[in-house]
Amino acid sequence: MTRKVTIELLDEIQDGFNQQDVDAILSHFADDCEWLMGAMPQFG
């Protein structure tokens, strides 16, 4: 089932990030998704 992308949906996903709640974040994505985190460039 897909949901229409709305401000409310984006707020729900952002709340998961703000709470550092991986389960809450991934609950909005397909079970077989691949989560890749970007990394800050290393300086010095």
N, C-alpha and C. Protein backbone atom coordinates (compact mmCIF):
# COMPACT_ATOMS: atom_id res chain seq x y z
N MET A 1 0.84 -1.18 0.00
CA MET A 1 0.00 0.00 0.00
C MET A 1 0.88 1.24 0.00
N THR A 2 0.57 2.18 -0.83
CA THR A 2 1.34 3.42 -0.87
C THR A 2 0.50 4.56 -0.34
N ARG A 3 1.17 5.52 0.24
CA ARG A 3 0.49 6.72 0.73
C ARG A 3 0.88 7.89 -0.14
N LYS A 4 -0.03 8.82 -0.31
CA LYS A 4 0.27 10.04 -1.02
C LYS A 4 1.27 10.84 -0.18
N VAL A 5 2.26 11.41 -0.85
CA VAL A 5 3.26 12.21 -0.14
C VAL A 5 2.63 13.54 0.25
N THR A 6 2.53 13.76 1.56
CA THR A 6 1.95 14.98 2.09
C THR A 6 2.90 15.57 3.12
N ILE A 7 2.64 16.79 3.52
CA ILE A 7 3.44 17.42 4.57
C ILE A 7 3.35 16.59 5.85
N GLU A 8 2.17 16.05 6.14
CA GLU A 8 1.99 15.24 7.35
C GLU A 8 2.87 13.99 7.31
N LEU A 9 2.92 13.33 6.16
CA LEU A 9 3.77 12.14 6.02
C LEU A 9 5.23 12.50 6.20
N LEU A 10 5.66 13.57 5.56
CA LEU A 10 7.05 14.00 5.69
C LEU A 10 7.37 14.38 7.13
N ASP A 11 6.41 15.00 7.82
CA ASP A 11 6.61 15.33 9.25
C ASP A 11 6.78 14.07 10.08
N GLU A 12 5.99 13.02 9.78
CA GLU A 12 6.12 11.76 10.51
C GLU A 12 7.51 11.16 10.33
N ILE A 13 8.00 11.17 9.10
CA ILE A 13 9.33 10.62 8.82
C ILE A 13 10.39 11.47 9.52
N GLN A 14 10.27 12.79 9.44
CA GLN A 14 11.23 13.68 10.09
C GLN A 14 11.23 13.50 11.60
N ASP A 15 10.06 13.28 12.18
CA ASP A 15 9.98 13.03 13.62
C ASP A 15 10.80 11.80 14.00
N GLY A 16 10.75 10.77 13.17
CA GLY A 16 11.56 9.58 13.41
C GLY A 16 13.04 9.91 13.43
N PHE A 17 13.48 10.74 12.47
CA PHE A 17 14.89 11.15 12.44
C PHE A 17 15.23 11.98 13.68
N ASN A 18 14.36 12.89 14.04
CA ASN A 18 14.62 13.75 15.21
C ASN A 18 14.72 12.93 16.49
N GLN A 19 13.96 11.84 16.56
CA GLN A 19 13.97 10.98 17.75
C GLN A 19 15.02 9.87 17.64
N GLN A 20 15.74 9.86 16.52
CA GLN A 20 16.74 8.81 16.24
C GLN A 20 16.12 7.42 16.38
N ASP A 21 14.92 7.27 15.83
CA ASP A 21 14.13 6.04 15.93
C ASP A 21 14.11 5.35 14.57
N VAL A 22 15.05 4.43 14.38
CA VAL A 22 15.19 3.76 13.09
C VAL A 22 13.92 3.01 12.72
N ASP A 23 13.29 2.34 13.68
CA ASP A 23 12.07 1.60 13.38
C ASP A 23 10.96 2.53 12.88
N ALA A 24 10.83 3.70 13.50
CA ALA A 24 9.81 4.66 13.07
C ALA A 24 10.10 5.16 11.65
N ILE A 25 11.36 5.40 11.37
CA ILE A 25 11.74 5.87 10.02
C ILE A 25 11.42 4.80 8.99
N LEU A 26 11.91 3.59 9.24
CA LEU A 26 11.78 2.53 8.25
C LEU A 26 10.36 2.01 8.12
N SER A 27 9.49 2.32 9.08
CA SER A 27 8.10 1.90 8.97
C SER A 27 7.40 2.56 7.79
N HIS A 28 8.00 3.60 7.24
CA HIS A 28 7.42 4.31 6.10
C HIS A 28 7.95 3.83 4.76
N PHE A 29 8.81 2.81 4.79
CA PHE A 29 9.45 2.32 3.57
C PHE A 29 9.16 0.84 3.38
N ALA A 30 9.43 0.33 2.19
CA ALA A 30 9.22 -1.09 1.89
C ALA A 30 10.10 -1.96 2.78
N ASP A 31 9.61 -3.17 3.08
CA ASP A 31 10.35 -4.08 3.94
C ASP A 31 11.72 -4.45 3.38
N ASP A 32 11.85 -4.44 2.07
CA ASP A 32 13.13 -4.84 1.46
C ASP A 32 13.96 -3.64 0.99
N CYS A 33 13.70 -2.48 1.58
CA CYS A 33 14.48 -1.29 1.19
C CYS A 33 15.91 -1.41 1.71
N GLU A 34 16.80 -0.66 1.13
CA GLU A 34 18.18 -0.60 1.57
C GLU A 34 18.45 0.82 2.03
N TRP A 35 18.85 0.98 3.28
CA TRP A 35 19.08 2.29 3.87
C TRP A 35 20.57 2.58 3.82
N LEU A 36 20.96 3.56 3.05
CA LEU A 36 22.36 3.96 2.93
C LEU A 36 22.52 5.34 3.56
N MET A 37 23.42 5.44 4.51
CA MET A 37 23.67 6.71 5.18
C MET A 37 24.87 7.39 4.54
N GLY A 38 24.72 8.65 4.26
CA GLY A 38 25.83 9.42 3.76
C GLY A 38 26.78 9.77 4.90
N ALA A 39 28.00 10.05 4.58
CA ALA A 39 28.99 10.41 5.59
C ALA A 39 29.57 11.78 5.25
N MET A 40 29.88 12.51 6.27
CA MET A 40 30.53 13.81 6.07
C MET A 40 31.94 13.58 5.54
N PRO A 41 32.42 14.48 4.69
CA PRO A 41 33.79 14.34 4.21
C PRO A 41 34.78 14.49 5.36
N GLN A 42 35.85 13.76 5.27
CA GLN A 42 36.90 13.83 6.29
C GLN A 42 37.89 14.93 5.91
N PHE A 43 38.14 15.84 6.83
CA PHE A 43 39.08 16.95 6.58
C PHE A 43 40.31 16.75 7.45
N GLY A 44 41.44 17.17 6.90
CA GLY A 44 42.65 17.18 7.69
C GLY A 44 43.45 16.01 7.61
